[in-house]
Amino acid sequence: MHMINAIVLIHADAHRIPETAQAVADLPGVSTVYSCAGDIDLIAVVKVRDHEQIAEVVTGGINKVDGVVKTATHIAFQSYSSADVEAGFSIGE
């Protein structure tokens, strides 16, 4: 089954970042939430079966979480990985 991945950049209320991150992480369709330094407070990785579900997760879920101020959603088309990094993990197997 092919999954659609979306990366959601989240601006959050600075005083509620941990609670906001946990609430977003608990939403169906959200696989991971990262807190980060820089212009963005949180990054959520959404994995769903179709494009309509992205709208449901982001608009109907993430944007309604207390502490979420603004979001920007990016659809992932292709994933790339470093062969060097993967080879490093296979050492000793």
PDB file of N, CA and C in Angstrom:
ATOM      1  N   MET A   1       0.847  -1.186   0.000  1.00  0.00           N
ATOM      2  CA  MET A   1       0.000   0.000   0.000  1.00  0.00           C
ATOM      3  C   MET A   1       0.887   1.241   0.000  1.00  0.00           C
ATOM      4  N   HIS A   2       0.603   2.158  -0.888  1.00  0.00           N
ATOM      5  CA  HIS A   2       1.375   3.392  -1.001  1.00  0.00           C
ATOM      6  C   HIS A   2       0.825   4.439  -0.043  1.00  0.00           C
ATOM      7  N   MET A   3       1.709   5.020   0.741  1.00  0.00           N
ATOM      8  CA  MET A   3       1.298   6.068   1.675  1.00  0.00           C
ATOM      9  C   MET A   3       1.766   7.411   1.142  1.00  0.00           C
ATOM     10  N   ILE A   4       0.977   8.447   1.418  1.00  0.00           N
ATOM     11  CA  ILE A   4       1.341   9.814   1.081  1.00  0.00           C
ATOM     12  C   ILE A   4       1.919  10.445   2.339  1.00  0.00           C
ATOM     13  N   ASN A   5       3.087  11.054   2.200  1.00  0.00           N
ATOM     14  CA  ASN A   5       3.729  11.723   3.322  1.00  0.00           C
ATOM     15  C   ASN A   5       3.621  13.225   3.149  1.00  0.00           C
ATOM     16  N   ALA A   6       3.305  13.908   4.235  1.00  0.00           N
ATOM     17  CA  ALA A   6       3.287  15.360   4.237  1.00  0.00           C
ATOM     18  C   ALA A   6       4.081  15.839   5.442  1.00  0.00           C
ATOM     19  N   ILE A   7       4.785  16.938   5.254  1.00  0.00           N
ATOM     20  CA  ILE A   7       5.533  17.564   6.331  1.00  0.00           C
ATOM     21  C   ILE A   7       4.795  18.854   6.665  1.00  0.00           C
ATOM     22  N   VAL A   8       4.407  18.978   7.929  1.00  0.00           N
ATOM     23  CA  VAL A   8       3.638  20.148   8.353  1.00  0.00           C
ATOM     24  C   VAL A   8       4.509  20.985   9.286  1.00  0.00           C
ATOM     25  N   LEU A   9       4.814  22.196   8.852  1.00  0.00           N
ATOM     26  CA  LEU A   9       5.586  23.135   9.664  1.00  0.00           C
ATOM     27  C   LEU A   9       4.605  23.895  10.540  1.00  0.00           C
ATOM     28  N   ILE A  10       4.853  23.900  11.842  1.00  0.00           N
ATOM     29  CA  ILE A  10       3.887  24.443  12.791  1.00  0.00           C
ATOM     30  C   ILE A  10       4.500  25.570  13.620  1.00  0.00           C
ATOM     31  N   HIS A  11       3.838  26.720  13.597  1.00  0.00           N
ATOM     32  CA  HIS A  11       4.152  27.803  14.527  1.00  0.00           C
ATOM     33  C   HIS A  11       3.228  27.601  15.715  1.00  0.00           C
ATOM     34  N   ALA A  12       3.809  27.556  16.918  1.00  0.00           N
ATOM     35  CA  ALA A  12       3.010  27.284  18.116  1.00  0.00           C
ATOM     36  C   ALA A  12       3.205  28.389  19.145  1.00  0.00           C
ATOM     37  N   ASP A  13       2.242  28.478  20.059  1.00  0.00           N
ATOM     38  CA  ASP A  13       2.353  29.373  21.207  1.00  0.00           C
ATOM     39  C   ASP A  13       3.582  28.949  22.005  1.00  0.00           C
ATOM     40  N   ALA A  14       4.523  29.863  22.189  1.00  0.00           N
ATOM     41  CA  ALA A  14       5.807  29.538  22.823  1.00  0.00           C
ATOM     42  C   ALA A  14       5.655  28.953  24.221  1.00  0.00           C
ATOM     43  N   HIS A  15       4.575  29.287  24.910  1.00  0.00           N
ATOM     44  CA  HIS A  15       4.370  28.814  26.276  1.00  0.00           C
ATOM     45  C   HIS A  15       3.706  27.442  26.337  1.00  0.00           C
ATOM     46  N   ARG A  16       3.307  26.919  25.172  1.00  0.00           N
ATOM     47  CA  ARG A  16       2.564  25.651  25.150  1.00  0.00           C
ATOM     48  C   ARG A  16       3.177  24.617  24.208  1.00  0.00           C
ATOM     49  N   ILE A  17       4.431  24.760  23.853  1.00  0.00           N
ATOM     50  CA  ILE A  17       5.029  23.880  22.843  1.00  0.00           C
ATOM     51  C   ILE A  17       4.980  22.401  23.238  1.00  0.00           C
ATOM     52  N   PRO A  18       5.389  22.006  24.447  1.00  0.00           N
ATOM     53  CA  PRO A  18       5.344  20.564  24.763  1.00  0.00           C
ATOM     54  C   PRO A  18       3.931  19.982  24.710  1.00  0.00           C
ATOM     55  N   GLU A  19       2.957  20.698  25.265  1.00  0.00           N
ATOM     56  CA  GLU A  19       1.571  20.211  25.258  1.00  0.00           C
ATOM     57  C   GLU A  19       1.012  20.182  23.837  1.00  0.00           C
ATOM     58  N   THR A  20       1.355  21.201  23.060  1.00  0.00           N
ATOM     59  CA  THR A  20       0.892  21.264  21.673  1.00  0.00           C
ATOM     60  C   THR A  20       1.492  20.113  20.870  1.00  0.00           C
ATOM     61  N   ALA A  21       2.783  19.868  21.048  1.00  0.00           N
ATOM     62  CA  ALA A  21       3.456  18.779  20.331  1.00  0.00           C
ATOM     63  C   ALA A  21       2.807  17.439  20.658  1.00  0.00           C
ATOM     64  N   GLN A  22       2.511  17.199  21.927  1.00  0.00           N
ATOM     65  CA  GLN A  22       1.910  15.923  22.321  1.00  0.00           C
ATOM     66  C   GLN A  22       0.505  15.779  21.754  1.00  0.00           C
ATOM     67  N   ALA A  23      -0.267  16.859  21.777  1.00  0.00           N
ATOM     68  CA  ALA A  23      -1.628  16.813  21.237  1.00  0.00           C
ATOM     69  C   ALA A  23      -1.608  16.535  19.737  1.00  0.00           C
ATOM     70  N   VAL A  24      -0.675  17.132  19.023  1.00  0.00           N
ATOM     71  CA  VAL A  24      -0.545  16.886  17.582  1.00  0.00           C
ATOM     72  C   VAL A  24      -0.115  15.436  17.350  1.00  0.00           C
ATOM     73  N   ALA A  25       0.842  14.957  18.136  1.00  0.00           N
ATOM     74  CA  ALA A  25       1.343  13.585  17.983  1.00  0.00           C
ATOM     75  C   ALA A  25       0.246  12.553  18.216  1.00  0.00           C
ATOM     76  N   ASP A  26      -0.734  12.882  19.042  1.00  0.00           N
ATOM     77  CA  ASP A  26      -1.817  11.952  19.360  1.00  0.00           C
ATOM     78  C   ASP A  26      -2.898  11.879  18.279  1.00  0.00           C
ATOM     79  N   LEU A  27      -2.827  12.757  17.272  1.00  0.00           N
ATOM     80  CA  LEU A  27      -3.847  12.774  16.220  1.00  0.00           C
ATOM     81  C   LEU A  27      -3.664  11.600  15.262  1.00  0.00           C
ATOM     82  N   PRO A  28      -4.773  10.993  14.819  1.00  0.00           N
ATOM     83  CA  PRO A  28      -4.680   9.945  13.800  1.00  0.00           C
ATOM     84  C   PRO A  28      -4.058  10.520  12.524  1.00  0.00           C
ATOM     85  N   GLY A  29      -3.139   9.780  11.926  1.00  0.00           N
ATOM     86  CA  GLY A  29      -2.489  10.230  10.698  1.00  0.00           C
ATOM     87  C   GLY A  29      -1.153  10.908  10.938  1.00  0.00           C
ATOM     88  N   VAL A  30      -0.895  11.343  12.163  1.00  0.00           N
ATOM     89  CA  VAL A  30       0.388  11.969  12.485  1.00  0.00           C
ATOM     90  C   VAL A  30       1.328  10.870  12.972  1.00  0.00           C
ATOM     91  N   SER A  31       2.460  10.698  12.277  1.00  0.00           N
ATOM     92  CA  SER A  31       3.379   9.627  12.673  1.00  0.00           C
ATOM     93  C   SER A  31       4.446  10.112  13.647  1.00  0.00           C
ATOM     94  N   THR A  32       4.918  11.346  13.473  1.00  0.00           N
ATOM     95  CA  THR A  32       5.993  11.871  14.312  1.00  0.00           C
ATOM     96  C   THR A  32       5.859  13.375  14.422  1.00  0.00           C
ATOM     97  N   VAL A  33       6.246  13.917  15.584  1.00  0.00           N
ATOM     98  CA  VAL A  33       6.320  15.369  15.765  1.00  0.00           C
ATOM     99  C   VAL A  33       7.690  15.691  16.350  1.00  0.00           C
ATOM    100  N   TYR A  34       8.366  16.649  15.738  1.00  0.00           N
ATOM    101  CA  TYR A  34       9.671  17.091  16.212  1.00  0.00           C
ATOM    102  C   TYR A  34       9.571  18.525  16.717  1.00  0.00           C
ATOM    103  N   SER A  35      10.184  18.828  17.850  1.00  0.00           N
ATOM    104  CA  SER A  35      10.375  20.217  18.238  1.00  0.00           C
ATOM    105  C   SER A  35      11.714  20.618  17.652  1.00  0.00           C
ATOM    106  N   CYS A  36      11.841  21.876  17.268  1.00  0.00           N
ATOM    107  CA  CYS A  36      13.090  22.268  16.632  1.00  0.00           C
ATOM    108  C   CYS A  36      13.413  23.729  16.899  1.00  0.00           C
ATOM    109  N   ALA A  37      14.664  24.064  16.697  1.00  0.00           N
ATOM    110  CA  ALA A  37      15.116  25.445  16.824  1.00  0.00           C
ATOM    111  C   ALA A  37      14.915  26.143  15.484  1.00  0.00           C
ATOM    112  N   GLY A  38      14.888  27.451  15.517  1.00  0.00           N
ATOM    113  CA  GLY A  38      14.748  28.212  14.277  1.00  0.00           C
ATOM    114  C   GLY A  38      13.390  28.870  14.171  1.00  0.00           C
ATOM    115  N   ASP A  39      12.976  29.138  12.951  1.00  0.00           N
ATOM    116  CA  ASP A  39      11.732  29.870  12.699  1.00  0.00           C
ATOM    117  C   ASP A  39      10.483  29.038  12.945  1.00  0.00           C
ATOM    118  N   ILE A  40      10.621  27.720  12.921  1.00  0.00           N
ATOM    119  CA  ILE A  40       9.486  26.816  13.096  1.00  0.00           C
ATOM    120  C   ILE A  40       9.589  26.175  14.473  1.00  0.00           C
ATOM    121  N   ASP A  41       8.465  26.051  15.156  1.00  0.00           N
ATOM    122  CA  ASP A  41       8.471  25.459  16.495  1.00  0.00           C
ATOM    123  C   ASP A  41       8.375  23.944  16.469  1.00  0.00           C
ATOM    124  N   LEU A  42       7.504  23.424  15.593  1.00  0.00           N
ATOM    125  CA  LEU A  42       7.267  21.985  15.517  1.00  0.00           C
ATOM    126  C   LEU A  42       7.197  21.556  14.057  1.00  0.00           C
ATOM    127  N   ILE A  43       7.611  20.329  13.797  1.00  0.00           N
ATOM    128  CA  ILE A  43       7.444  19.727  12.475  1.00  0.00           C
ATOM    129  C   ILE A  43       6.715  18.406  12.683  1.00  0.00           C
ATOM    130  N   ALA A  44       5.588  18.247  12.003  1.00  0.00           N
ATOM    131  CA  ALA A  44       4.814  17.006  12.088  1.00  0.00           C
ATOM    132  C   ALA A  44       4.931  16.260  10.767  1.00  0.00           C
ATOM    133  N   VAL A  45       5.132  14.954  10.858  1.00  0.00           N
ATOM    134  CA  VAL A  45       5.134  14.107   9.673  1.00  0.00           C
ATOM    135  C   VAL A  45       3.791  13.381   9.646  1.00  0.00           C
ATOM    136  N   VAL A  46       3.057  13.596   8.569  1.00  0.00           N
ATOM    137  CA  VAL A  46       1.738  12.997   8.397  1.00  0.00           C
ATOM    138  C   VAL A  46       1.852  11.899   7.348  1.00  0.00           C
ATOM    139  N   LYS A  47       1.313  10.716   7.647  1.00  0.00           N
ATOM    140  CA  LYS A  47       1.309   9.595   6.703  1.00  0.00           C
ATOM    141  C   LYS A  47      -0.129   9.117   6.542  1.00  0.00           C
ATOM    142  N   VAL A  48      -0.658   9.263   5.324  1.00  0.00           N
ATOM    143  CA  VAL A  48      -2.044   8.891   5.048  1.00  0.00           C
ATOM    144  C   VAL A  48      -2.142   8.172   3.701  1.00  0.00           C
ATOM    145  N   ARG A  49      -3.315   7.624   3.401  1.00  0.00           N
ATOM    146  CA  ARG A  49      -3.505   6.861   2.160  1.00  0.00           C
ATOM    147  C   ARG A  49      -3.859   7.724   0.958  1.00  0.00           C
ATOM    148  N   ASP A  50      -4.525   8.868   1.180  1.00  0.00           N
ATOM    149  CA  ASP A  50      -4.898   9.694   0.034  1.00  0.00           C
ATOM    150  C   ASP A  50      -4.859  11.172   0.393  1.00  0.00           C
ATOM    151  N   HIS A  51      -4.902  11.990  -0.640  1.00  0.00           N
ATOM    152  CA  HIS A  51      -4.755  13.437  -0.455  1.00  0.00           C
ATOM    153  C   HIS A  51      -5.877  14.043   0.381  1.00  0.00           C
ATOM    154  N   GLU A  52      -7.083  13.504   0.275  1.00  0.00           N
ATOM    155  CA  GLU A  52      -8.196  14.027   1.054  1.00  0.00           C
ATOM    156  C   GLU A  52      -7.926  13.901   2.554  1.00  0.00           C
ATOM    157  N   GLN A  53      -7.248  12.819   2.935  1.00  0.00           N
ATOM    158  CA  GLN A  53      -6.937  12.612   4.348  1.00  0.00           C
ATOM    159  C   GLN A  53      -5.946  13.643   4.872  1.00  0.00           C
ATOM    160  N   ILE A  54      -5.081  14.158   4.001  1.00  0.00           N
ATOM    161  CA  ILE A  54      -4.154  15.207   4.441  1.00  0.00           C
ATOM    162  C   ILE A  54      -4.952  16.414   4.904  1.00  0.00           C
ATOM    163  N   ALA A  55      -5.944  16.800   4.128  1.00  0.00           N
ATOM    164  CA  ALA A  55      -6.785  17.936   4.515  1.00  0.00           C
ATOM    165  C   ALA A  55      -7.495  17.661   5.830  1.00  0.00           C
ATOM    166  N   GLU A  56      -7.977  16.440   6.012  1.00  0.00           N
ATOM    167  CA  GLU A  56      -8.662  16.093   7.262  1.00  0.00           C
ATOM    168  C   GLU A  56      -7.716  16.200   8.450  1.00  0.00           C
ATOM    169  N   VAL A  57      -6.507  15.666   8.303  1.00  0.00           N
ATOM    170  CA  VAL A  57      -5.552  15.662   9.415  1.00  0.00           C
ATOM    171  C   VAL A  57      -5.089  17.086   9.726  1.00  0.00           C
ATOM    172  N   VAL A  58      -4.756  17.849   8.680  1.00  0.00           N
ATOM    173  CA  VAL A  58      -4.206  19.191   8.908  1.00  0.00           C
ATOM    174  C   VAL A  58      -5.303  20.179   9.277  1.00  0.00           C
ATOM    175  N   THR A  59      -6.303  20.320   8.431  1.00  0.00           N
ATOM    176  CA  THR A  59      -7.351  21.309   8.671  1.00  0.00           C
ATOM    177  C   THR A  59      -8.269  20.900   9.811  1.00  0.00           C
ATOM    178  N   GLY A  60      -8.672  19.633   9.808  1.00  0.00           N
ATOM    179  CA  GLY A  60      -9.602  19.171  10.829  1.00  0.00           C
ATOM    180  C   GLY A  60      -8.954  18.762  12.128  1.00  0.00           C
ATOM    181  N   GLY A  61      -7.647  18.565  12.117  1.00  0.00           N
ATOM    182  CA  GLY A  61      -6.953  18.099  13.314  1.00  0.00           C
ATOM    183  C   GLY A  61      -5.911  19.070  13.821  1.00  0.00           C
ATOM    184  N   ILE A  62      -4.784  19.153  13.120  1.00  0.00           N
ATOM    185  CA  ILE A  62      -3.645  19.951  13.597  1.00  0.00           C
ATOM    186  C   ILE A  62      -4.031  21.414  13.816  1.00  0.00           C
ATOM    187  N   ASN A  63      -4.713  22.020  12.843  1.00  0.00           N
ATOM    188  CA  ASN A  63      -5.050  23.443  12.965  1.00  0.00           C
ATOM    189  C   ASN A  63      -6.017  23.741  14.105  1.00  0.00           C
ATOM    190  N   LYS A  64      -6.685  22.723  14.630  1.00  0.00           N
ATOM    191  CA  LYS A  64      -7.633  22.925  15.726  1.00  0.00           C
ATOM    192  C   LYS A  64      -7.036  22.654  17.105  1.00  0.00           C
ATOM    193  N   VAL A  65      -5.780  22.219  17.140  1.00  0.00           N
ATOM    194  CA  VAL A  65      -5.126  21.930  18.418  1.00  0.00           C
ATOM    195  C   VAL A  65      -4.806  23.242  19.131  1.00  0.00           C
ATOM    196  N   ASP A  66      -5.134  23.302  20.422  1.00  0.00           N
ATOM    197  CA  ASP A  66      -4.786  24.471  21.232  1.00  0.00           C
ATOM    198  C   ASP A  66      -3.285  24.689  21.187  1.00  0.00           C
ATOM    199  N   GLY A  67      -2.879  25.908  20.906  1.00  0.00           N
ATOM    200  CA  GLY A  67      -1.460  26.231  20.862  1.00  0.00           C
ATOM    201  C   GLY A  67      -0.904  26.323  19.447  1.00  0.00           C
ATOM    202  N   VAL A  68      -1.610  25.761  18.462  1.00  0.00           N
ATOM    203  CA  VAL A  68      -1.179  25.882  17.066  1.00  0.00           C
ATOM    204  C   VAL A  68      -1.612  27.254  16.559  1.00  0.00           C
ATOM    205  N   VAL A  69      -0.636  28.035  16.113  1.00  0.00           N
ATOM    206  CA  VAL A  69      -0.904  29.387  15.634  1.00  0.00           C
ATOM    207  C   VAL A  69      -1.057  29.412  14.118  1.00  0.00           C
ATOM    208  N   LYS A  70      -0.155  28.699  13.424  1.00  0.00           N
ATOM    209  CA  LYS A  70      -0.150  28.715  11.963  1.00  0.00           C
ATOM    210  C   LYS A  70       0.561  27.469  11.466  1.00  0.00           C
ATOM    211  N   THR A  71       0.130  26.958  10.301  1.00  0.00           N
ATOM    212  CA  THR A  71       0.792  25.798   9.707  1.00  0.00           C
ATOM    213  C   THR A  71       1.088  26.038   8.235  1.00  0.00           C
ATOM    214  N   ALA A  72       2.066  25.305   7.730  1.00  0.00           N
ATOM    215  CA  ALA A  72       2.359  25.245   6.296  1.00  0.00           C
ATOM    216  C   ALA A  72       2.606  23.779   5.972  1.00  0.00           C
ATOM    217  N   THR A  73       1.879  23.273   4.980  1.00  0.00           N
ATOM    218  CA  THR A  73       1.949  21.848   4.652  1.00  0.00           C
ATOM    219  C   THR A  73       2.696  21.643   3.342  1.00  0.00           C
ATOM    220  N   HIS A  74       3.604  20.676   3.359  1.00  0.00           N
ATOM    221  CA  HIS A  74       4.391  20.333   2.178  1.00  0.00           C
ATOM    222  C   HIS A  74       4.214  18.843   1.895  1.00  0.00           C
ATOM    223  N   ILE A  75       3.791  18.507   0.672  1.00  0.00           N
ATOM    224  CA  ILE A  75       3.607  17.116   0.273  1.00  0.00           C
ATOM    225  C   ILE A  75       4.955  16.572  -0.199  1.00  0.00           C
ATOM    226  N   ALA A  76       5.343  15.408   0.305  1.00  0.00           N
ATOM    227  CA  ALA A  76       6.591  14.776  -0.119  1.00  0.00           C
ATOM    228  C   ALA A  76       6.324  13.938  -1.364  1.00  0.00           C
ATOM    229  N   PHE A  77       7.156  14.114  -2.400  1.00  0.00           N
ATOM    230  CA  PHE A  77       7.009  13.355  -3.640  1.00  0.00           C
ATOM    231  C   PHE A  77       7.956  12.171  -3.688  1.00  0.00           C
ATOM    232  N   GLN A  78       9.208  12.396  -3.375  1.00  0.00           N
ATOM    233  CA  GLN A  78      10.245  11.370  -3.529  1.00  0.00           C
ATOM    234  C   GLN A  78      11.143  11.413  -2.301  1.00  0.00           C
ATOM    235  N   SER A  79      11.550  10.254  -1.819  1.00  0.00           N
ATOM    236  CA  SER A  79      12.498  10.231  -0.703  1.00  0.00           C
ATOM    237  C   SER A  79      13.872   9.800  -1.207  1.00  0.00           C
ATOM    238  N   TYR A  80      14.882  10.376  -0.631  1.00  0.00           N
ATOM    239  CA  TYR A  80      16.266  10.063  -0.967  1.00  0.00           C
ATOM    240  C   TYR A  80      16.992   9.749   0.324  1.00  0.00           C
ATOM    241  N   SER A  81      17.960   8.855   0.253  1.00  0.00           N
ATOM    242  CA  SER A  81      18.769   8.578   1.433  1.00  0.00           C
ATOM    243  C   SER A  81      20.213   8.408   1.013  1.00  0.00           C
ATOM    244  N   SER A  82      21.081   8.589   1.965  1.00  0.00           N
ATOM    245  CA  SER A  82      22.500   8.466   1.702  1.00  0.00           C
ATOM    246  C   SER A  82      22.918   7.004   1.771  1.00  0.00           C
ATOM    247  N   ALA A  83      23.532   6.499   0.729  1.00  0.00           N
ATOM    248  CA  ALA A  83      24.030   5.127   0.728  1.00  0.00           C
ATOM    249  C   ALA A  83      25.090   4.967   1.810  1.00  0.00           C
ATOM    250  N   ASP A  84      25.870   6.018   2.048  1.00  0.00           N
ATOM    251  CA  ASP A  84      26.913   5.963   3.085  1.00  0.00           C
ATOM    252  C   ASP A  84      26.300   5.768   4.460  1.00  0.00           C
ATOM    253  N   VAL A  85      25.224   6.472   4.746  1.00  0.00           N
ATOM    254  CA  VAL A  85      24.579   6.357   6.044  1.00  0.00           C
ATOM    255  C   VAL A  85      23.995   4.954   6.210  1.00  0.00           C
ATOM    256  N   GLU A  86      23.319   4.458   5.198  1.00  0.00           N
ATOM    257  CA  GLU A  86      22.730   3.121   5.264  1.00  0.00           C
ATOM    258  C   GLU A  86      23.816   2.059   5.404  1.00  0.00           C
ATOM    259  N   ALA A  87      24.933   2.222   4.721  1.00  0.00           N
ATOM    260  CA  ALA A  87      26.025   1.254   4.808  1.00  0.00           C
ATOM    261  C   ALA A  87      26.612   1.239   6.216  1.00  0.00           C
ATOM    262  N   GLY A  88      26.685   2.416   6.847  1.00  0.00           N
ATOM    263  CA  GLY A  88      27.206   2.505   8.209  1.00  0.00           C
ATOM    264  C   GLY A  88      26.379   1.733   9.210  1.00  0.00           C
ATOM    265  N   PHE A  89      25.079   1.706   9.018  1.00  0.00           N
ATOM    266  CA  PHE A  89      24.204   0.991   9.934  1.00  0.00           C
ATOM    267  C   PHE A  89      24.268  -0.525   9.726  1.00  0.00           C
ATOM    268  N   SER A  90      24.725  -0.957   8.555  1.00  0.00           N
ATOM    269  CA  SER A  90      24.751  -2.393   8.278  1.00  0.00           C
ATOM    270  C   SER A  90      26.061  -3.039   8.726  1.00  0.00           C
ATOM    271  N   ILE A  91      27.009  -2.268   9.182  1.00  0.00           N
ATOM    272  CA  ILE A  91      28.295  -2.813   9.641  1.00  0.00           C
ATOM    273  C   ILE A  91      28.053  -3.750  10.818  1.00  0.00           C
ATOM    274  N   GLY A  92      28.624  -4.918  10.738  1.00  0.00           N
ATOM    275  CA  GLY A  92      28.506  -5.869  11.845  1.00  0.00           C
ATOM    276  C   GLY A  92      27.259  -6.722  11.797  1.00  0.00           C
ATOM    277  N   GLU A  93      26.464  -6.578  10.765  1.00  0.00           N
ATOM    278  CA  GLU A  93      25.253  -7.428  10.673  1.00  0.00           C
ATOM    279  C   GLU A  93      25.590  -8.757  10.066  1.00  0.00           C
TER     280      GLU A  93
END
